[in-house]
Amino acid sequence: MDKITQEYIDKILDDSDVEYFEAFGKTVVAVYRLRKNGHVLVGVGACVSPANFDLEIGKKVAREDVSNQLWAREGYLLQEKLKGE
């Protein structure tokens, strides 16, 4: 593999175990355990006011947070791999 794609990131997340937790009536915490190696990533989606809280939007935002973290990690791993070639 010489590049990372959104499809690749999505597959890793889709193949992961995930648990969502609601906190303080306005925050969603998503905990992803990657099946590939057991590594855990935590994402957060929050709003300012509990009156505006929407669980599904919070889950989406938390997943995006985890996705961004995964992009950085996978990019680092790819850079190391390509450097060694």
Protein backbone atom coordinates (compact mmCIF):
# COMPACT_ATOMS: atom_id res chain seq x y z
CA MET A 1 0.00 0.00 0.00
CA ASP A 2 1.44 3.36 -0.98
CA LYS A 3 -1.42 5.60 0.14
CA ILE A 4 -4.19 5.73 2.69
CA THR A 5 -7.77 6.16 1.56
CA GLN A 6 -10.98 7.06 3.36
CA GLU A 7 -12.28 3.62 2.41
CA TYR A 8 -9.31 2.03 4.20
CA ILE A 9 -9.92 4.10 7.34
CA ASP A 10 -13.66 3.35 7.24
CA LYS A 11 -12.98 -0.38 6.92
CA ILE A 12 -10.77 -0.35 10.01
CA LEU A 13 -13.46 1.50 11.98
CA ASP A 14 -16.27 -0.70 10.66
CA ASP A 15 -14.29 -3.79 11.68
CA SER A 16 -13.70 -2.43 15.19
CA ASP A 17 -15.62 -2.98 18.39
CA VAL A 18 -17.24 0.25 19.54
CA GLU A 19 -19.01 1.38 22.68
CA TYR A 20 -20.75 4.72 23.13
CA PHE A 21 -21.26 6.48 26.43
CA GLU A 22 -23.40 9.51 27.10
CA ALA A 23 -21.98 11.93 29.63
CA PHE A 24 -23.51 14.96 31.33
CA GLY A 25 -26.51 14.95 29.01
CA LYS A 26 -24.54 16.71 26.29
CA THR A 27 -21.53 14.61 25.37
CA VAL A 28 -20.94 11.32 23.56
CA VAL A 29 -17.77 9.38 24.13
CA ALA A 30 -16.95 6.68 21.58
CA VAL A 31 -14.43 4.00 22.46
CA TYR A 32 -13.12 2.00 19.51
CA ARG A 33 -11.08 -1.16 20.01
CA LEU A 34 -9.35 -1.97 16.75
CA ARG A 35 -9.66 -5.67 16.00
CA LYS A 36 -6.50 -5.50 13.93
CA ASN A 37 -4.29 -5.16 17.01
CA GLY A 38 -6.43 -4.36 20.06
CA HIS A 39 -5.40 -0.69 20.18
CA VAL A 40 -8.03 1.61 21.70
CA LEU A 41 -8.98 5.05 20.38
CA VAL A 42 -11.39 7.42 22.13
CA GLY A 43 -13.43 10.06 20.33
CA VAL A 44 -15.71 12.75 21.72
CA GLY A 45 -18.70 14.60 20.36
CA ALA A 46 -20.16 17.34 22.54
CA CYS A 47 -22.50 20.29 22.39
CA VAL A 48 -22.68 23.40 24.54
CA SER A 49 -26.24 22.99 25.79
CA PRO A 50 -27.99 19.78 26.83
CA ALA A 51 -31.09 21.21 25.12
CA ASN A 52 -29.28 20.83 21.79
CA PHE A 53 -27.97 17.33 22.46
CA ASP A 54 -28.66 14.73 19.77
CA LEU A 55 -27.23 11.27 20.40
CA GLU A 56 -26.89 10.34 16.72
CA ILE A 57 -25.08 13.56 15.85
CA GLY A 58 -22.81 13.02 18.86
CA LYS A 59 -21.98 9.51 17.66
CA LYS A 60 -21.16 10.83 14.19
CA VAL A 61 -18.89 13.56 15.56
CA ALA A 62 -17.16 11.12 17.94
CA ARG A 63 -16.52 8.70 15.05
CA GLU A 64 -15.05 11.54 12.98
CA ASP A 65 -12.76 12.34 15.92
CA VAL A 66 -11.55 8.73 16.01
CA SER A 67 -11.21 8.70 12.23
CA ASN A 68 -8.92 11.74 12.35
CA GLN A 69 -6.76 10.08 14.99
CA LEU A 70 -6.54 6.95 12.88
CA TRP A 71 -5.50 8.94 9.79
CA ALA A 72 -2.55 10.34 11.75
CA ARG A 73 -1.48 6.94 13.04
CA GLU A 74 -1.84 5.18 9.71
CA GLY A 75 0.02 8.02 7.99
CA TYR A 76 2.90 7.63 10.40
CA LEU A 77 3.03 3.86 9.83
CA LEU A 78 2.96 4.31 6.05
CA GLN A 79 5.74 6.90 6.21
CA GLU A 80 7.89 4.48 8.21
CA LYS A 81 7.18 1.68 5.74
CA LEU A 82 7.97 3.79 2.67
CA LYS A 83 11.12 5.18 4.28
CA GLY A 84 12.43 1.65 4.70
CA GLU A 85 11.90 0.68 1.06
